[in-house]
Amino acid sequence: MDKAENKRSADVKKMLQKYHIYLKLEKGFSDNTLDAYERDLGKFLGFLDSGGVHPLDVALEHLHQFSASLIDIGILPSSLSRILSGVRSFYHFLVVDGYMENDPTELLEFPNKSRHLPDVLTVEEVDSIESVIDLSSSEGQRNKAIIEVLFSCGLRVSELCALRISDLYLDEQFIRVVGKGNKQRLVPISRKAIHELELYFTDRCHIDIKPGYEDYVFVSKLRKKNLSRIMVFHLIKELVALAGIEKTVSPHTFRHSFATALLDGGANLRAIQAMLGHESIATTEIYTHITTARLREEIISHHPRNMEKKD
């Protein structure tokens, strides 16, 4: 770490110390409330750090990306609202204390606590997004493979960025995914996604990848290492705009679309839960548009006490 980075790190630490004093003395928060605020803020700062963004350089776009990343890991709207409230409090303090002139959270929209779900992409819309990719560019085929793997396997953006060549079992049409809590799962991969990956690997061979990053599937030609979550967010935003799709689309949208397509095709809810890596079936319900009425119908139809006995 060079001197400039050391100074920026020290500045952030001092800023956080002053924020702690502000919450404790000016807001009169209890120790438990302080811990909750700082724990939630830590999630945001960790997100920024992974993308190399300084807290004072944050724009509304970063906040939207952070919100999408929380939705991507199954954070409920009520919890998301709480976390964003903590982030907004932090930036209110930065403005009040003279660190910033404008509050980037001013136009930040909070989630609807009625569990409003993100938009879903149709197969035609996914094809439309792929059609605007410039395959003559050095990273065009990589970008097409990213879209296909997201839609084919329903990965979280963090799982996509961490995917390794040693996790691919393409002959068997499976990939191994390392999810939350370092838990591993096997996910089927479509023939189309395999085809796009194989084409990408032809281009990937010509990248001089940094030592220690050779096993990552998706790498940046410029950075010579694996992609970050923010890079994938930016990529998808650009492609969606080029395709003229007006829906709010993030990497999570492909995951949600994957699960919804499976459900609509008749896949078992437990199978979808396993492929998404959800610990709770309730989280799968949120991702797959399952309504209370539909779940009730499933239970009534399949519970042994409700099924008619045959003579």
Protein backbone atom coordinates (compact mmCIF):
# COMPACT_ATOMS: atom_id res chain seq x y z
CA MET A 1 0.00 0.00 0.00
CA ASP A 2 1.51 3.37 -1.04
CA LYS A 3 1.50 6.61 0.99
CA ALA A 4 -1.61 7.97 -0.75
CA GLU A 5 -3.58 4.80 0.01
CA ASN A 6 -2.35 4.83 3.62
CA LYS A 7 -3.53 8.41 4.01
CA ARG A 8 -6.94 7.67 2.50
CA SER A 9 -7.32 4.67 4.80
CA ALA A 10 -6.39 6.78 7.82
CA ASP A 11 -8.84 9.48 6.71
CA VAL A 12 -11.69 6.95 6.53
CA LYS A 13 -10.79 5.59 9.97
CA LYS A 14 -10.84 9.10 11.46
CA MET A 15 -14.13 9.83 9.71
CA LEU A 16 -15.69 6.71 11.24
CA GLN A 17 -14.42 7.62 14.70
CA LYS A 18 -16.08 11.04 14.42
CA TYR A 19 -19.30 9.42 13.17
CA HIS A 20 -19.28 7.10 16.20
CA ILE A 21 -19.02 10.12 18.52
CA TYR A 22 -21.81 11.86 16.57
CA LEU A 23 -24.17 8.91 17.01
CA LYS A 24 -23.32 8.44 20.67
CA LEU A 25 -23.31 12.05 21.86
CA GLU A 26 -25.48 14.02 19.44
CA LYS A 27 -28.01 11.32 18.58
CA GLY A 28 -27.88 9.68 22.02
CA PHE A 29 -27.87 6.13 20.64
CA SER A 30 -27.48 3.17 22.98
CA ASP A 31 -24.53 0.80 22.59
CA ASN A 32 -26.78 -1.80 20.90
CA THR A 33 -28.12 0.73 18.39
CA LEU A 34 -24.60 2.00 17.75
CA ASP A 35 -23.41 -1.53 17.04
CA ALA A 36 -26.31 -2.13 14.64
CA TYR A 37 -25.69 1.11 12.72
CA GLU A 38 -21.97 0.49 12.43
CA ARG A 39 -22.43 -3.16 11.48
CA ASP A 40 -24.79 -2.18 8.65
CA LEU A 41 -22.47 0.62 7.53
CA GLY A 42 -19.63 -1.90 7.52
CA LYS A 43 -21.49 -3.90 4.85
CA PHE A 44 -21.59 -0.81 2.63
CA LEU A 45 -17.95 0.12 3.23
CA GLY A 46 -16.90 -3.44 2.46
CA PHE A 47 -18.83 -3.25 -0.81
CA LEU A 48 -17.09 0.01 -1.72
CA ASP A 49 -13.69 -1.38 -0.80
CA SER A 50 -14.18 -4.39 -3.08
CA GLY A 51 -14.69 -1.99 -5.97
CA GLY A 52 -11.93 0.44 -4.98
CA VAL A 53 -14.40 3.27 -4.30
CA HIS A 54 -13.67 5.82 -1.55
CA PRO A 55 -16.69 6.75 0.65
CA LEU A 56 -16.36 10.41 -0.37
CA ASP A 57 -16.50 9.46 -4.07
CA VAL A 58 -19.83 7.67 -3.78
CA ALA A 59 -22.58 8.52 -6.27
CA LEU A 60 -26.21 7.40 -6.44
CA GLU A 61 -25.18 4.71 -8.91
CA HIS A 62 -22.98 3.02 -6.29
CA LEU A 63 -25.88 3.04 -3.83
CA HIS A 64 -28.13 1.36 -6.39
CA GLN A 65 -25.46 -1.27 -7.04
CA PHE A 66 -25.12 -1.89 -3.31
CA SER A 67 -28.91 -2.30 -2.94
CA ALA A 68 -28.95 -4.75 -5.84
CA SER A 69 -26.09 -6.75 -4.30
CA LEU A 70 -28.06 -7.11 -1.05
CA ILE A 71 -31.15 -8.27 -2.92
CA ASP A 72 -28.87 -10.71 -4.72
CA ILE A 73 -27.98 -12.46 -1.46
CA GLY A 74 -31.59 -12.66 -0.29
CA ILE A 75 -31.81 -9.65 2.06
CA LEU A 76 -35.48 -8.93 2.79
CA PRO A 77 -36.96 -5.47 2.07
CA SER A 78 -37.32 -4.68 5.79
CA SER A 79 -33.65 -5.43 6.42
CA LEU A 80 -32.61 -3.60 3.25
CA SER A 81 -34.49 -0.50 4.43
CA ARG A 82 -32.70 -0.64 7.77
CA ILE A 83 -29.27 -0.95 6.16
CA LEU A 84 -29.95 1.90 3.73
CA SER A 85 -31.19 4.06 6.60
CA GLY A 86 -27.83 3.57 8.29
CA VAL A 87 -25.98 4.52 5.10
CA ARG A 88 -28.17 7.61 4.72
CA SER A 89 -27.44 8.59 8.33
CA PHE A 90 -23.70 8.31 7.64
CA TYR A 91 -23.87 10.60 4.59
CA HIS A 92 -26.08 13.08 6.43
CA PHE A 93 -23.28 13.27 9.01
CA LEU A 94 -20.61 13.74 6.31
CA VAL A 95 -22.54 16.70 4.88
CA VAL A 96 -23.20 18.22 8.31
CA ASP A 97 -19.55 17.84 9.31
CA GLY A 98 -18.29 19.42 6.08
CA TYR A 99 -16.80 16.33 4.41
CA MET A 100 -19.18 16.62 1.45
CA GLU A 101 -21.30 19.34 -0.11
CA ASN A 102 -24.02 17.10 -1.55
CA ASP A 103 -25.65 14.03 -0.04
CA PRO A 104 -25.55 11.12 -2.57
CA THR A 105 -28.37 9.35 -0.66
CA GLU A 106 -30.82 12.23 -1.16
CA LEU A 107 -32.53 10.58 -4.16
CA LEU A 108 -32.08 7.02 -2.93
CA GLU A 109 -35.36 5.11 -3.03
CA PHE A 110 -36.13 2.67 -0.25
CA PRO A 111 -37.68 -0.73 -0.97
CA ASN A 112 -41.38 -1.32 -0.70
CA LYS A 113 -41.85 -3.43 2.41
CA SER A 114 -44.67 -5.29 0.71
CA ARG A 115 -41.96 -7.42 -0.92
CA HIS A 116 -41.99 -5.75 -4.31
CA LEU A 117 -39.96 -8.00 -6.56
CA PRO A 118 -37.50 -6.93 -9.24
CA ASP A 119 -38.29 -7.18 -12.94
CA VAL A 120 -37.89 -10.49 -14.75
CA LEU A 121 -36.34 -10.91 -18.18
CA THR A 122 -37.89 -13.06 -20.88
CA VAL A 123 -35.74 -15.34 -23.04
CA GLU A 124 -36.29 -12.88 -25.89
CA GLU A 125 -34.98 -10.02 -23.77
CA VAL A 126 -31.89 -12.02 -22.79
CA ASP A 127 -31.31 -12.70 -26.52
CA SER A 128 -31.75 -8.98 -27.18
CA ILE A 129 -29.10 -8.11 -24.59
CA GLU A 130 -26.69 -10.62 -26.13
CA SER A 131 -27.37 -9.29 -29.64
CA VAL A 132 -25.93 -5.84 -28.81
CA ILE A 133 -22.60 -7.27 -27.63
CA ASP A 134 -19.77 -6.38 -30.00
CA LEU A 135 -18.18 -9.78 -30.60
CA SER A 136 -15.37 -8.16 -32.57
CA SER A 137 -14.10 -6.50 -29.39
CA SER A 138 -11.46 -8.23 -27.28
CA GLU A 139 -13.90 -8.90 -24.42
CA GLY A 140 -17.10 -9.34 -26.44
CA GLN A 141 -17.20 -13.13 -26.25
CA ARG A 142 -16.39 -13.00 -22.53
CA ASN A 143 -19.35 -10.69 -21.99
CA LYS A 144 -21.69 -12.99 -23.90
CA ALA A 145 -20.49 -15.95 -21.81
CA ILE A 146 -21.16 -13.93 -18.64
CA ILE A 147 -24.78 -13.27 -19.66
CA GLU A 148 -25.33 -16.91 -20.59
CA VAL A 149 -23.84 -18.27 -17.36
CA LEU A 150 -25.89 -15.85 -15.24
CA PHE A 151 -29.11 -16.81 -17.01
CA SER A 152 -28.30 -20.51 -17.33
CA CYS A 153 -27.09 -21.11 -13.77
CA GLY A 154 -28.75 -18.40 -11.67
CA LEU A 155 -25.51 -17.40 -9.95
CA ARG A 156 -25.09 -14.54 -7.51
CA VAL A 157 -22.75 -11.90 -8.92
CA SER A 158 -20.17 -12.74 -6.24
CA GLU A 159 -20.35 -16.42 -7.26
CA LEU A 160 -19.84 -15.50 -10.92
CA CYS A 161 -16.76 -13.39 -10.10
CA ALA A 162 -15.31 -16.20 -7.94
CA LEU A 163 -16.01 -19.00 -10.44
CA ARG A 164 -12.89 -20.98 -11.27
CA ILE A 165 -11.93 -23.18 -14.20
CA SER A 166 -11.40 -26.02 -11.72
CA ASP A 167 -15.10 -25.64 -10.81
CA LEU A 168 -16.23 -26.46 -14.34
CA TYR A 169 -17.33 -29.98 -15.27
CA LEU A 170 -18.49 -29.16 -18.77
CA ASP A 171 -18.45 -32.74 -20.09
CA GLU A 172 -20.93 -33.62 -17.33
CA GLN A 173 -22.82 -30.30 -17.83
CA PHE A 174 -22.34 -29.20 -14.22
CA ILE A 175 -20.46 -26.44 -12.44
CA ARG A 176 -19.44 -26.30 -8.79
CA VAL A 177 -20.46 -23.06 -7.08
CA VAL A 178 -19.05 -21.75 -3.79
CA GLY A 179 -21.86 -19.76 -2.21
CA LYS A 180 -22.62 -18.02 1.07
CA GLY A 181 -20.82 -19.43 4.10
CA ASN A 182 -18.36 -21.18 1.75
CA LYS A 183 -21.04 -23.80 1.03
CA GLN A 184 -20.63 -25.70 -2.23
CA ARG A 185 -23.36 -26.84 -4.59
CA LEU A 186 -23.51 -28.39 -8.05
CA VAL A 187 -25.58 -26.54 -10.65
CA PRO A 188 -26.46 -27.80 -14.15
CA ILE A 189 -25.23 -25.62 -17.01
CA SER A 190 -26.94 -25.38 -20.40
CA ARG A 191 -25.34 -26.48 -23.66
CA LYS A 192 -25.59 -22.89 -24.95
CA ALA A 193 -23.68 -21.55 -21.93
CA ILE A 194 -21.04 -24.25 -22.41
CA HIS A 195 -20.72 -23.28 -26.08
CA GLU A 196 -20.25 -19.58 -25.21
CA LEU A 197 -17.68 -20.47 -22.53
CA GLU A 198 -15.68 -22.60 -24.95
CA LEU A 199 -15.59 -19.75 -27.48
CA TYR A 200 -14.49 -17.38 -24.70
CA PHE A 201 -11.67 -19.69 -23.61
CA THR A 202 -10.17 -19.34 -27.10
CA ASP A 203 -9.84 -15.57 -26.48
CA ARG A 204 -8.85 -16.02 -22.83
CA CYS A 205 -5.71 -17.95 -23.83
CA HIS A 206 -4.23 -14.70 -25.17
CA ILE A 207 -4.56 -12.77 -21.87
CA ASP A 208 -1.41 -12.43 -19.76
CA ILE A 209 -3.12 -13.16 -16.44
CA LYS A 210 -1.43 -12.16 -13.18
CA PRO A 211 0.03 -14.97 -11.05
CA GLY A 212 -2.56 -16.28 -8.59
CA TYR A 213 -5.51 -15.44 -10.86
CA GLU A 214 -4.99 -18.05 -13.58
CA ASP A 215 -7.82 -20.29 -12.37
CA TYR A 216 -10.56 -17.64 -12.44
CA VAL A 217 -12.99 -18.07 -15.33
CA PHE A 218 -13.87 -14.44 -16.01
CA VAL A 219 -10.89 -12.11 -16.15
CA SER A 220 -10.29 -8.54 -17.28
CA LYS A 221 -7.86 -8.09 -20.16
CA LEU A 222 -6.86 -4.69 -18.76
CA ARG A 223 -6.54 -5.62 -15.06
CA LYS A 224 -5.29 -9.15 -15.84
CA LYS A 225 -7.26 -10.56 -12.88
CA ASN A 226 -10.78 -11.72 -12.09
CA LEU A 227 -13.69 -9.34 -12.52
CA SER A 228 -15.14 -7.41 -9.57
CA ARG A 229 -18.86 -7.21 -8.81
CA ILE A 230 -18.98 -3.53 -9.74
CA MET A 231 -17.46 -4.30 -13.16
CA VAL A 232 -20.25 -6.81 -13.83
CA PHE A 233 -22.90 -4.31 -12.67
CA HIS A 234 -21.49 -1.70 -15.07
CA LEU A 235 -21.32 -4.18 -17.94
CA ILE A 236 -24.96 -5.22 -17.55
CA LYS A 237 -26.14 -1.63 -17.21
CA GLU A 238 -24.42 -0.71 -20.50
CA LEU A 239 -25.78 -3.73 -22.39
CA VAL A 240 -29.34 -3.23 -21.13
CA ALA A 241 -29.24 0.42 -22.23
CA LEU A 242 -27.92 -0.56 -25.67
CA ALA A 243 -30.69 -3.15 -26.00
CA GLY A 244 -33.30 -0.50 -25.21
CA ILE A 245 -34.75 -2.46 -22.30
CA GLU A 246 -36.42 -0.13 -19.82
CA LYS A 247 -36.63 -2.58 -16.92
CA THR A 248 -34.35 -2.20 -13.90
CA VAL A 249 -31.80 -4.93 -14.58
CA SER A 250 -28.91 -6.09 -12.39
CA PRO A 251 -27.02 -9.40 -12.15
CA HIS A 252 -29.71 -10.47 -9.68
CA THR A 253 -32.34 -10.01 -12.40
CA PHE A 254 -30.81 -12.92 -14.35
CA ARG A 255 -30.81 -15.05 -11.20
CA HIS A 256 -34.44 -14.19 -10.56
CA SER A 257 -35.34 -14.82 -14.21
CA PHE A 258 -33.58 -18.20 -14.08
CA ALA A 259 -35.62 -19.30 -11.06
CA THR A 260 -38.90 -17.95 -12.43
CA ALA A 261 -38.38 -19.72 -15.78
CA LEU A 262 -37.73 -23.00 -13.98
CA LEU A 263 -40.82 -22.59 -11.84
CA ASP A 264 -43.00 -21.73 -14.82
CA GLY A 265 -41.61 -24.79 -16.61
CA GLY A 266 -42.80 -27.01 -13.77
CA ALA A 267 -39.59 -27.48 -11.79
CA ASN A 268 -39.90 -28.59 -8.17
CA LEU A 269 -39.56 -25.72 -5.69
CA ARG A 270 -37.06 -27.70 -3.59
CA ALA A 271 -34.92 -28.33 -6.67
CA ILE A 272 -34.91 -24.60 -7.41
CA GLN A 273 -33.97 -23.93 -3.79
CA ALA A 274 -31.00 -26.31 -4.09
CA MET A 275 -29.80 -24.78 -7.37
CA LEU A 276 -30.00 -21.25 -5.97
CA GLY A 277 -28.23 -22.25 -2.76
CA HIS A 278 -30.96 -20.96 -0.44
CA GLU A 279 -31.01 -22.25 3.12
CA SER A 280 -34.68 -21.39 3.52
CA ILE A 281 -37.54 -22.20 1.15
CA ALA A 282 -38.96 -18.80 2.12
CA THR A 283 -36.09 -17.08 0.30
CA THR A 284 -36.79 -19.17 -2.80
CA GLU A 285 -40.40 -18.04 -2.60
CA ILE A 286 -39.29 -14.41 -2.78
CA TYR A 287 -37.06 -15.02 -5.80
CA THR A 288 -39.60 -17.01 -7.76
CA HIS A 289 -42.77 -14.97 -7.48
CA ILE A 290 -44.52 -17.62 -5.42
CA THR A 291 -47.69 -16.15 -3.97
CA THR A 292 -49.25 -17.22 -0.71
CA ALA A 293 -52.26 -18.46 -2.64
CA ARG A 294 -50.12 -20.67 -4.87
CA LEU A 295 -48.24 -22.16 -1.92
CA ARG A 296 -51.55 -22.81 -0.17
CA GLU A 297 -52.82 -24.61 -3.28
CA GLU A 298 -49.65 -26.74 -3.41
CA ILE A 299 -50.06 -27.76 0.22
CA ILE A 300 -53.76 -28.52 -0.13
CA SER A 301 -53.15 -30.55 -3.30
CA HIS A 302 -50.23 -32.60 -2.00
CA HIS A 303 -50.68 -33.02 1.75
CA PRO A 304 -51.67 -36.62 2.48
CA ARG A 305 -54.52 -35.51 4.76
CA ASN A 306 -56.07 -33.58 1.89
CA MET A 307 -55.74 -36.19 -0.82
CA GLU A 308 -58.73 -38.39 -1.57
CA LYS A 309 -58.29 -42.06 -0.81
CA LYS A 310 -58.64 -44.40 -3.75
CA ASP A 311 -60.76 -47.51 -3.41
